N, C-alpha and C. Protein backbone atom coordinates (compact mmCIF):
# COMPACT_ATOMS: atom_id res chain seq x y z
N ALA A 1 7.65 209.24 54.80
CA ALA A 1 6.26 208.89 55.01
C ALA A 1 5.95 207.55 54.33
N ARG A 2 6.48 207.32 53.14
CA ARG A 2 6.22 206.07 52.43
C ARG A 2 6.81 204.88 53.19
N LEU A 3 7.99 205.08 53.81
CA LEU A 3 8.58 204.00 54.59
C LEU A 3 7.66 203.60 55.73
N ARG A 4 7.10 204.58 56.42
CA ARG A 4 6.22 204.28 57.54
C ARG A 4 4.95 203.59 57.07
N THR A 5 4.41 204.00 55.91
CA THR A 5 3.19 203.40 55.39
C THR A 5 3.39 201.92 55.09
N ILE A 6 4.48 201.60 54.43
CA ILE A 6 4.75 200.21 54.08
C ILE A 6 5.01 199.41 55.36
N ARG A 7 5.70 200.02 56.30
CA ARG A 7 6.09 199.32 57.51
C ARG A 7 4.88 198.94 58.36
N ARG A 8 3.84 199.74 58.34
CA ARG A 8 2.68 199.48 59.19
C ARG A 8 1.78 198.37 58.67
N GLY A 9 1.73 198.12 57.39
CA GLY A 9 0.88 197.07 56.85
C GLY A 9 1.71 196.04 56.13
N ASN A 10 1.08 194.95 55.72
CA ASN A 10 1.89 193.95 55.04
C ASN A 10 1.96 194.20 53.54
N GLY A 11 1.18 195.12 53.00
CA GLY A 11 1.31 195.54 51.61
C GLY A 11 1.25 194.40 50.61
N GLY A 12 0.61 193.30 50.95
CA GLY A 12 0.51 192.19 50.03
C GLY A 12 1.70 191.25 50.07
N VAL A 13 2.59 191.44 51.03
CA VAL A 13 3.77 190.59 51.13
C VAL A 13 3.37 189.26 51.75
N PRO A 14 3.78 188.13 51.17
CA PRO A 14 3.48 186.83 51.78
C PRO A 14 4.01 186.78 53.21
N VAL A 15 3.30 186.09 54.08
CA VAL A 15 3.65 186.04 55.49
C VAL A 15 5.10 185.60 55.70
N ALA A 16 5.59 184.70 54.87
CA ALA A 16 6.97 184.21 55.01
C ALA A 16 7.99 185.34 54.87
N TYR A 17 7.64 186.38 54.14
CA TYR A 17 8.57 187.49 53.92
C TYR A 17 8.35 188.67 54.87
N LEU A 18 7.25 188.65 55.62
CA LEU A 18 6.88 189.81 56.42
C LEU A 18 7.97 190.21 57.40
N ASP A 19 8.60 189.26 58.08
CA ASP A 19 9.66 189.60 59.03
C ASP A 19 10.85 190.22 58.32
N ASP A 20 11.20 189.70 57.13
CA ASP A 20 12.30 190.29 56.36
C ASP A 20 11.98 191.71 55.95
N VAL A 21 10.75 191.92 55.51
CA VAL A 21 10.34 193.26 55.09
C VAL A 21 10.39 194.22 56.27
N ARG A 22 9.85 193.80 57.40
CA ARG A 22 9.86 194.67 58.59
C ARG A 22 11.28 195.00 59.01
N ALA A 23 12.15 194.00 59.03
CA ALA A 23 13.54 194.24 59.43
C ALA A 23 14.23 195.18 58.45
N SER A 24 14.04 194.94 57.16
CA SER A 24 14.67 195.81 56.15
C SER A 24 14.15 197.23 56.23
N LEU A 25 12.84 197.38 56.34
CA LEU A 25 12.27 198.72 56.41
C LEU A 25 12.63 199.43 57.70
N GLY A 26 12.71 198.68 58.79
CA GLY A 26 13.13 199.30 60.05
C GLY A 26 14.55 199.83 59.95
N ALA A 27 15.44 199.02 59.37
CA ALA A 27 16.82 199.46 59.19
C ALA A 27 16.90 200.65 58.24
N LEU A 28 16.14 200.60 57.14
CA LEU A 28 16.16 201.70 56.18
C LEU A 28 15.60 202.98 56.79
N LEU A 29 14.57 202.85 57.60
CA LEU A 29 13.99 204.03 58.26
C LEU A 29 15.02 204.67 59.18
N ARG A 30 15.74 203.86 59.94
CA ARG A 30 16.78 204.41 60.83
C ARG A 30 17.89 205.07 60.00
N PHE A 31 18.37 204.37 58.95
CA PHE A 31 19.39 204.96 58.08
C PHE A 31 18.91 206.30 57.51
N TYR A 32 17.68 206.31 57.00
CA TYR A 32 17.15 207.51 56.34
C TYR A 32 17.02 208.66 57.33
N CYS A 33 16.46 208.41 58.49
CA CYS A 33 16.27 209.49 59.48
C CYS A 33 17.61 210.04 59.94
N ASP A 34 18.57 209.15 60.21
CA ASP A 34 19.90 209.61 60.62
C ASP A 34 20.57 210.41 59.50
N ALA A 35 20.47 209.91 58.26
CA ALA A 35 21.07 210.61 57.12
C ALA A 35 20.43 211.96 56.91
N ALA A 36 19.10 212.03 57.01
CA ALA A 36 18.40 213.30 56.80
C ALA A 36 18.80 214.31 57.86
N ARG A 37 18.92 213.87 59.11
CA ARG A 37 19.32 214.77 60.19
C ARG A 37 20.73 215.32 59.94
N GLU A 38 21.66 214.44 59.57
CA GLU A 38 23.03 214.86 59.29
C GLU A 38 23.09 215.80 58.08
N ALA A 39 22.40 215.42 57.01
CA ALA A 39 22.41 216.23 55.79
C ALA A 39 21.83 217.60 56.03
N ASP A 40 20.73 217.67 56.76
CA ASP A 40 20.11 218.96 57.05
C ASP A 40 21.05 219.86 57.84
N ALA A 41 21.81 219.26 58.76
CA ALA A 41 22.73 220.04 59.58
C ALA A 41 23.94 220.52 58.79
N LEU A 42 24.32 219.77 57.75
CA LEU A 42 25.56 220.07 57.04
C LEU A 42 25.38 220.81 55.72
N ALA A 43 24.37 220.47 54.94
CA ALA A 43 24.28 220.93 53.55
C ALA A 43 24.18 222.44 53.45
N GLY A 44 23.17 223.01 54.04
CA GLY A 44 23.00 224.46 54.02
C GLY A 44 23.11 225.06 52.63
N GLY A 45 23.40 226.33 52.60
CA GLY A 45 23.56 227.02 51.33
C GLY A 45 22.24 227.46 50.73
N SER A 46 22.34 228.37 49.81
CA SER A 46 21.15 228.88 49.14
C SER A 46 20.74 227.93 48.03
N PRO A 47 19.44 227.69 47.89
CA PRO A 47 18.99 226.85 46.78
C PRO A 47 19.33 227.50 45.44
N GLN A 48 19.58 226.67 44.46
CA GLN A 48 19.82 227.15 43.11
C GLN A 48 19.19 226.16 42.14
N ILE A 49 19.11 226.52 40.88
CA ILE A 49 18.53 225.61 39.90
C ILE A 49 19.52 224.49 39.65
N THR A 50 19.02 223.24 39.77
CA THR A 50 19.86 222.07 39.56
C THR A 50 19.23 221.18 38.51
N HIS A 51 20.02 220.30 37.93
CA HIS A 51 19.56 219.38 36.90
C HIS A 51 18.57 218.37 37.47
N ALA A 52 18.91 217.77 38.60
CA ALA A 52 18.06 216.86 39.37
C ALA A 52 17.78 215.51 38.70
N ASP A 53 18.50 215.17 37.66
CA ASP A 53 18.32 213.84 37.05
C ASP A 53 19.62 213.36 36.41
N TRP A 54 20.70 213.47 37.16
CA TRP A 54 21.98 213.01 36.64
C TRP A 54 22.00 211.50 36.58
N ASN A 55 22.24 210.98 35.44
CA ASN A 55 22.48 209.55 35.25
C ASN A 55 23.16 209.39 33.90
N PRO A 56 23.80 208.27 33.65
CA PRO A 56 24.56 208.10 32.41
C PRO A 56 23.76 208.33 31.13
N ALA A 57 22.46 208.08 31.16
CA ALA A 57 21.64 208.28 29.95
C ALA A 57 21.45 209.76 29.63
N ASN A 58 21.71 210.64 30.59
CA ASN A 58 21.50 212.07 30.37
C ASN A 58 22.80 212.84 30.14
N VAL A 59 23.88 212.13 29.93
CA VAL A 59 25.17 212.78 29.69
C VAL A 59 25.78 212.20 28.41
N LEU A 60 26.18 213.08 27.51
CA LEU A 60 26.86 212.67 26.28
C LEU A 60 28.37 212.73 26.52
N PHE A 61 29.05 211.67 26.18
CA PHE A 61 30.50 211.61 26.33
C PHE A 61 31.15 211.48 24.96
N ILE A 62 32.27 212.17 24.77
CA ILE A 62 33.12 212.00 23.60
C ILE A 62 34.53 211.82 24.14
N ASP A 63 35.14 210.70 23.78
CA ASP A 63 36.48 210.37 24.26
C ASP A 63 36.58 210.50 25.79
N GLN A 64 35.59 209.98 26.48
CA GLN A 64 35.52 209.94 27.94
C GLN A 64 35.44 211.32 28.59
N LEU A 65 35.09 212.32 27.82
CA LEU A 65 34.87 213.66 28.36
C LEU A 65 33.41 214.04 28.16
N VAL A 66 32.88 214.79 29.09
CA VAL A 66 31.49 215.23 28.98
C VAL A 66 31.38 216.23 27.83
N ALA A 67 30.52 215.90 26.88
CA ALA A 67 30.30 216.77 25.72
C ALA A 67 28.96 217.48 25.79
N GLY A 68 28.06 216.97 26.62
CA GLY A 68 26.75 217.60 26.73
C GLY A 68 25.92 216.94 27.82
N VAL A 69 24.96 217.71 28.31
CA VAL A 69 24.02 217.22 29.32
C VAL A 69 22.62 217.38 28.76
N LEU A 70 21.81 216.31 28.90
CA LEU A 70 20.46 216.28 28.35
C LEU A 70 19.41 216.23 29.45
N ASN A 71 18.16 216.38 29.05
CA ASN A 71 17.00 216.11 29.88
C ASN A 71 16.92 216.99 31.12
N PHE A 72 16.53 218.20 30.92
CA PHE A 72 16.39 219.14 32.02
C PHE A 72 14.96 219.25 32.53
N ASP A 73 14.10 218.28 32.16
CA ASP A 73 12.70 218.39 32.58
C ASP A 73 12.51 218.16 34.08
N GLY A 74 13.51 217.63 34.77
CA GLY A 74 13.42 217.47 36.22
C GLY A 74 14.10 218.58 36.99
N ALA A 75 14.60 219.59 36.28
CA ALA A 75 15.32 220.69 36.94
C ALA A 75 14.46 221.31 38.03
N ARG A 76 15.13 221.68 39.12
CA ARG A 76 14.38 222.27 40.24
C ARG A 76 15.29 223.15 41.08
N LEU A 77 14.68 223.87 41.97
CA LEU A 77 15.40 224.72 42.90
C LEU A 77 15.69 223.91 44.15
N GLN A 78 16.96 223.68 44.44
CA GLN A 78 17.36 222.93 45.63
C GLN A 78 18.82 223.24 45.93
N CYS A 79 19.30 222.79 47.08
CA CYS A 79 20.72 222.95 47.41
C CYS A 79 21.53 222.13 46.41
N ARG A 80 22.57 222.73 45.88
CA ARG A 80 23.33 222.09 44.81
C ARG A 80 23.97 220.78 45.24
N VAL A 81 24.31 220.64 46.51
CA VAL A 81 24.97 219.42 46.96
C VAL A 81 24.02 218.21 46.87
N ILE A 82 22.73 218.45 46.88
CA ILE A 82 21.78 217.34 46.67
C ILE A 82 21.96 216.79 45.27
N ASP A 83 22.11 217.66 44.31
CA ASP A 83 22.34 217.25 42.92
C ASP A 83 23.66 216.49 42.79
N VAL A 84 24.69 216.98 43.47
CA VAL A 84 26.00 216.32 43.44
C VAL A 84 25.88 214.91 44.02
N ALA A 85 25.23 214.78 45.16
CA ALA A 85 25.09 213.47 45.81
C ALA A 85 24.29 212.50 44.94
N ASN A 86 23.22 212.98 44.34
CA ASN A 86 22.42 212.12 43.46
C ASN A 86 23.23 211.68 42.24
N ALA A 87 24.02 212.57 41.70
CA ALA A 87 24.86 212.22 40.55
C ALA A 87 25.88 211.15 40.95
N ILE A 88 26.46 211.28 42.12
CA ILE A 88 27.43 210.30 42.59
C ILE A 88 26.76 208.93 42.73
N VAL A 89 25.55 208.90 43.26
CA VAL A 89 24.83 207.63 43.37
C VAL A 89 24.66 207.01 41.99
N GLN A 90 24.28 207.82 41.01
CA GLN A 90 24.02 207.29 39.67
C GLN A 90 25.30 206.85 38.95
N PHE A 91 26.39 207.55 39.15
CA PHE A 91 27.61 207.26 38.40
C PHE A 91 28.62 206.39 39.15
N CYS A 92 28.53 206.32 40.46
CA CYS A 92 29.59 205.66 41.23
C CYS A 92 29.14 204.40 41.96
N THR A 93 27.88 204.04 41.87
CA THR A 93 27.44 202.80 42.49
C THR A 93 27.38 201.72 41.42
N PHE A 94 27.49 200.50 41.84
CA PHE A 94 27.51 199.38 40.91
C PHE A 94 26.10 198.79 40.79
N SER A 95 25.69 198.58 39.57
CA SER A 95 24.42 197.90 39.30
C SER A 95 24.54 197.27 37.93
N GLU A 96 23.76 196.24 37.71
CA GLU A 96 23.76 195.58 36.41
C GLU A 96 22.33 195.39 35.97
N LYS A 97 22.03 195.89 34.79
CA LYS A 97 20.69 195.75 34.24
C LYS A 97 20.33 194.27 34.13
N ASP A 98 19.09 193.96 34.41
CA ASP A 98 18.55 192.60 34.31
C ASP A 98 19.20 191.62 35.28
N THR A 99 19.74 192.11 36.39
CA THR A 99 20.24 191.21 37.43
C THR A 99 19.52 191.55 38.73
N ASP A 100 19.51 190.62 39.63
CA ASP A 100 18.87 190.77 40.93
C ASP A 100 19.60 191.86 41.73
N PRO A 101 18.92 192.96 42.09
CA PRO A 101 19.59 194.02 42.85
C PRO A 101 20.11 193.54 44.20
N GLY A 102 19.56 192.46 44.72
CA GLY A 102 20.06 191.89 45.96
C GLY A 102 21.47 191.33 45.81
N MET A 103 21.90 191.13 44.57
CA MET A 103 23.24 190.60 44.29
C MET A 103 24.24 191.70 43.93
N TRP A 104 23.78 192.92 43.76
CA TRP A 104 24.69 194.01 43.42
C TRP A 104 25.64 194.26 44.59
N PRO A 105 26.90 194.60 44.30
CA PRO A 105 27.82 194.90 45.39
C PRO A 105 27.38 196.15 46.15
N ALA A 106 27.69 196.18 47.44
CA ALA A 106 27.28 197.30 48.28
C ALA A 106 28.17 198.52 48.10
N ASN A 107 29.41 198.30 47.72
CA ASN A 107 30.36 199.41 47.68
C ASN A 107 30.12 200.36 46.52
N ILE A 108 30.71 201.54 46.65
CA ILE A 108 30.72 202.49 45.54
C ILE A 108 32.16 202.56 45.02
N ASN A 109 32.30 203.04 43.82
CA ASN A 109 33.62 203.19 43.22
C ASN A 109 34.25 204.45 43.80
N LEU A 110 35.15 204.28 44.77
CA LEU A 110 35.73 205.43 45.46
C LEU A 110 36.57 206.31 44.54
N GLU A 111 37.22 205.70 43.56
CA GLU A 111 38.03 206.49 42.61
C GLU A 111 37.12 207.42 41.79
N LEU A 112 36.00 206.89 41.30
CA LEU A 112 35.04 207.73 40.58
C LEU A 112 34.45 208.79 41.49
N PHE A 113 34.13 208.40 42.72
CA PHE A 113 33.58 209.33 43.70
C PHE A 113 34.52 210.52 43.89
N GLN A 114 35.79 210.21 44.17
CA GLN A 114 36.77 211.28 44.40
C GLN A 114 36.98 212.13 43.15
N SER A 115 36.99 211.50 41.98
CA SER A 115 37.15 212.24 40.72
C SER A 115 35.96 213.15 40.48
N PHE A 116 34.76 212.64 40.74
CA PHE A 116 33.56 213.43 40.52
C PHE A 116 33.55 214.67 41.42
N VAL A 117 33.82 214.46 42.72
CA VAL A 117 33.83 215.58 43.66
C VAL A 117 34.93 216.58 43.29
N ALA A 118 36.12 216.08 42.95
CA ALA A 118 37.22 216.97 42.56
C ALA A 118 36.88 217.75 41.29
N GLY A 119 36.25 217.08 40.32
CA GLY A 119 35.86 217.77 39.08
C GLY A 119 34.83 218.85 39.33
N TYR A 120 33.80 218.53 40.11
CA TYR A 120 32.78 219.52 40.44
C TYR A 120 33.40 220.68 41.22
N ASP A 121 34.21 220.32 42.21
CA ASP A 121 34.84 221.32 43.07
C ASP A 121 35.78 222.25 42.30
N SER A 122 36.36 221.75 41.20
CA SER A 122 37.28 222.59 40.42
C SER A 122 36.53 223.68 39.65
N ILE A 123 35.25 223.47 39.42
CA ILE A 123 34.44 224.45 38.68
C ILE A 123 33.57 225.28 39.63
N HIS A 124 32.94 224.59 40.58
CA HIS A 124 32.08 225.23 41.58
C HIS A 124 32.52 224.74 42.95
N PRO A 125 33.47 225.43 43.58
CA PRO A 125 34.00 224.93 44.86
C PRO A 125 32.90 224.63 45.88
N LEU A 126 33.04 223.47 46.50
CA LEU A 126 32.11 223.04 47.54
C LEU A 126 32.66 223.42 48.91
N ARG A 127 31.77 223.86 49.80
CA ARG A 127 32.16 224.13 51.18
C ARG A 127 32.43 222.80 51.87
N SER A 128 33.26 222.78 52.88
CA SER A 128 33.57 221.53 53.58
C SER A 128 32.30 220.90 54.16
N SER A 129 31.36 221.72 54.62
CA SER A 129 30.12 221.17 55.16
C SER A 129 29.29 220.48 54.07
N GLU A 130 29.37 221.00 52.83
CA GLU A 130 28.67 220.35 51.72
C GLU A 130 29.30 218.99 51.42
N ILE A 131 30.62 218.94 51.41
CA ILE A 131 31.32 217.68 51.16
C ILE A 131 30.98 216.67 52.24
N GLU A 132 30.92 217.12 53.50
CA GLU A 132 30.55 216.23 54.61
C GLU A 132 29.11 215.73 54.47
N ALA A 133 28.24 216.51 53.84
CA ALA A 133 26.84 216.12 53.69
C ALA A 133 26.63 215.08 52.59
N ILE A 134 27.56 214.98 51.65
CA ILE A 134 27.37 214.10 50.48
C ILE A 134 27.04 212.66 50.86
N PRO A 135 27.78 212.00 51.73
CA PRO A 135 27.42 210.60 52.04
C PRO A 135 26.00 210.47 52.60
N HIS A 136 25.58 211.41 53.42
CA HIS A 136 24.25 211.34 54.02
C HIS A 136 23.17 211.58 52.96
N LEU A 137 23.43 212.49 52.04
CA LEU A 137 22.49 212.72 50.95
C LEU A 137 22.45 211.51 50.00
N MET A 138 23.59 210.86 49.83
CA MET A 138 23.61 209.64 49.01
C MET A 138 22.73 208.56 49.63
N ILE A 139 22.80 208.43 50.95
CA ILE A 139 21.96 207.44 51.64
C ILE A 139 20.49 207.77 51.42
N GLU A 140 20.13 209.04 51.54
CA GLU A 140 18.74 209.42 51.28
C GLU A 140 18.32 209.00 49.87
N ALA A 141 19.16 209.27 48.89
CA ALA A 141 18.83 208.95 47.50
C ALA A 141 18.75 207.44 47.28
N ILE A 142 19.67 206.70 47.86
CA ILE A 142 19.69 205.24 47.70
C ILE A 142 18.44 204.61 48.30
N ILE A 143 17.97 205.15 49.41
CA ILE A 143 16.78 204.61 50.05
C ILE A 143 15.51 205.08 49.34
N ALA A 144 15.48 206.32 48.91
CA ALA A 144 14.27 206.86 48.29
C ALA A 144 13.91 206.13 47.00
N GLU A 145 14.90 205.77 46.21
CA GLU A 145 14.61 205.14 44.92
C GLU A 145 13.80 203.85 45.04
N PRO A 146 14.23 202.86 45.84
CA PRO A 146 13.41 201.65 45.93
C PRO A 146 12.10 201.85 46.68
N VAL A 147 12.07 202.79 47.61
CA VAL A 147 10.82 203.03 48.32
C VAL A 147 9.78 203.59 47.35
N LEU A 148 10.20 204.51 46.50
CA LEU A 148 9.27 205.04 45.49
C LEU A 148 8.88 203.97 44.49
N ALA A 149 9.80 203.05 44.22
CA ALA A 149 9.52 201.97 43.27
C ALA A 149 8.57 200.93 43.85
N SER A 150 8.34 200.96 45.15
CA SER A 150 7.48 199.95 45.77
C SER A 150 6.07 199.98 45.21
N ARG A 151 5.61 201.14 44.80
CA ARG A 151 4.27 201.22 44.20
C ARG A 151 4.22 200.43 42.90
N ARG A 152 5.29 200.51 42.11
CA ARG A 152 5.34 199.74 40.86
C ARG A 152 5.51 198.26 41.15
N ALA A 153 6.23 197.93 42.22
CA ALA A 153 6.49 196.53 42.55
C ALA A 153 5.20 195.79 42.86
N THR A 154 4.26 196.45 43.48
CA THR A 154 3.02 195.77 43.82
C THR A 154 2.23 195.40 42.57
N ASP A 155 2.47 196.11 41.47
CA ASP A 155 1.82 195.78 40.21
C ASP A 155 2.52 194.65 39.46
N ARG A 156 3.76 194.32 39.86
CA ARG A 156 4.54 193.30 39.16
C ARG A 156 4.95 192.18 40.11
N GLY A 157 3.98 191.57 40.73
CA GLY A 157 4.29 190.41 41.55
C GLY A 157 4.32 190.66 43.04
N GLY A 158 3.89 191.80 43.48
CA GLY A 158 3.84 192.08 44.91
C GLY A 158 5.18 192.49 45.47
N LEU A 159 5.16 192.82 46.75
CA LEU A 159 6.36 193.31 47.40
C LEU A 159 7.40 192.24 47.63
N ASP A 160 7.05 190.95 47.48
CA ASP A 160 8.07 189.93 47.62
C ASP A 160 9.14 190.08 46.54
N ALA A 161 8.74 190.58 45.36
CA ALA A 161 9.71 190.85 44.29
C ALA A 161 10.54 192.09 44.62
N TYR A 162 10.12 192.84 45.60
CA TYR A 162 10.74 194.10 45.98
C TYR A 162 11.82 193.91 47.05
N LEU A 163 11.82 192.77 47.72
CA LEU A 163 12.79 192.53 48.79
C LEU A 163 14.25 192.70 48.37
N PRO A 164 14.65 192.23 47.18
CA PRO A 164 16.05 192.46 46.78
C PRO A 164 16.41 193.95 46.71
N TRP A 165 15.45 194.80 46.34
CA TRP A 165 15.71 196.24 46.28
C TRP A 165 15.91 196.80 47.69
N LEU A 166 15.10 196.34 48.63
CA LEU A 166 15.26 196.77 50.02
C LEU A 166 16.62 196.35 50.55
N ASP A 167 16.99 195.11 50.27
CA ASP A 167 18.27 194.60 50.73
C ASP A 167 19.43 195.39 50.12
N MET A 168 19.33 195.69 48.82
CA MET A 168 20.38 196.47 48.15
C MET A 168 20.51 197.84 48.81
N ALA A 169 19.40 198.51 49.07
CA ALA A 169 19.45 199.85 49.67
C ALA A 169 20.05 199.77 51.08
N ARG A 170 19.65 198.78 51.85
CA ARG A 170 20.18 198.62 53.20
C ARG A 170 21.68 198.37 53.18
N ARG A 171 22.14 197.49 52.30
CA ARG A 171 23.58 197.17 52.23
C ARG A 171 24.40 198.37 51.76
N LYS A 172 23.89 199.09 50.76
CA LYS A 172 24.63 200.26 50.27
C LYS A 172 24.68 201.37 51.33
N ALA A 173 23.57 201.60 52.02
CA ALA A 173 23.56 202.62 53.08
C ALA A 173 24.54 202.26 54.19
N ALA A 174 24.55 200.99 54.58
CA ALA A 174 25.49 200.55 55.62
C ALA A 174 26.93 200.71 55.16
N TRP A 175 27.22 200.37 53.89
CA TRP A 175 28.58 200.50 53.37
C TRP A 175 29.01 201.97 53.39
N ILE A 176 28.14 202.85 52.97
CA ILE A 176 28.48 204.28 52.95
C ILE A 176 28.79 204.76 54.37
N LEU A 177 27.95 204.40 55.34
CA LEU A 177 28.20 204.82 56.71
C LEU A 177 29.52 204.28 57.23
N ASP A 178 29.86 203.05 56.85
CA ASP A 178 31.14 202.46 57.28
C ASP A 178 32.34 203.12 56.64
N HIS A 179 32.13 203.85 55.52
CA HIS A 179 33.25 204.44 54.78
C HIS A 179 33.17 205.95 54.65
N VAL A 180 32.42 206.60 55.50
CA VAL A 180 32.23 208.06 55.42
C VAL A 180 33.56 208.80 55.42
N ASP A 181 34.51 208.36 56.19
CA ASP A 181 35.79 209.08 56.28
C ASP A 181 36.81 208.65 55.25
N THR A 182 36.44 207.73 54.34
CA THR A 182 37.39 207.22 53.36
C THR A 182 37.70 208.26 52.30
């Protein structure tokens, strides 16, 4: 819904950027709708309580092993593979603090991706349909984050400052789709 809202108006974006914003949002909307359709068809399973906020700041490591998990205030009832996909986005995509997200590489770290899925699967085996749903759920997560951030972007210089985030989401979604079978 937020994608459609931004797409219909100019949201304070300078006219020079309006075509870029429309093109980016159109591509993201197509990626998101396709990913949601695929994920819904594949994920299935009974909802269970999940952490719902996996990121490096919420995991304690000792000697490169997980020693603890923090911050359960976002815990919710959902299909577990959604949590797995979100965790992979947080741990296996490349980003650098204080750099332009438009310059971040589109690829994910496939070695970390495979290790993460294998580690999770060794404790809580994933169905093949859940594994197939992961890339599509990752695309949903990658697109949702900057779209939700768009409200904050308008407070910090308008949506023109937000274009690199749209570009990053579009490039990462395209890369994932190109490498689904990898």
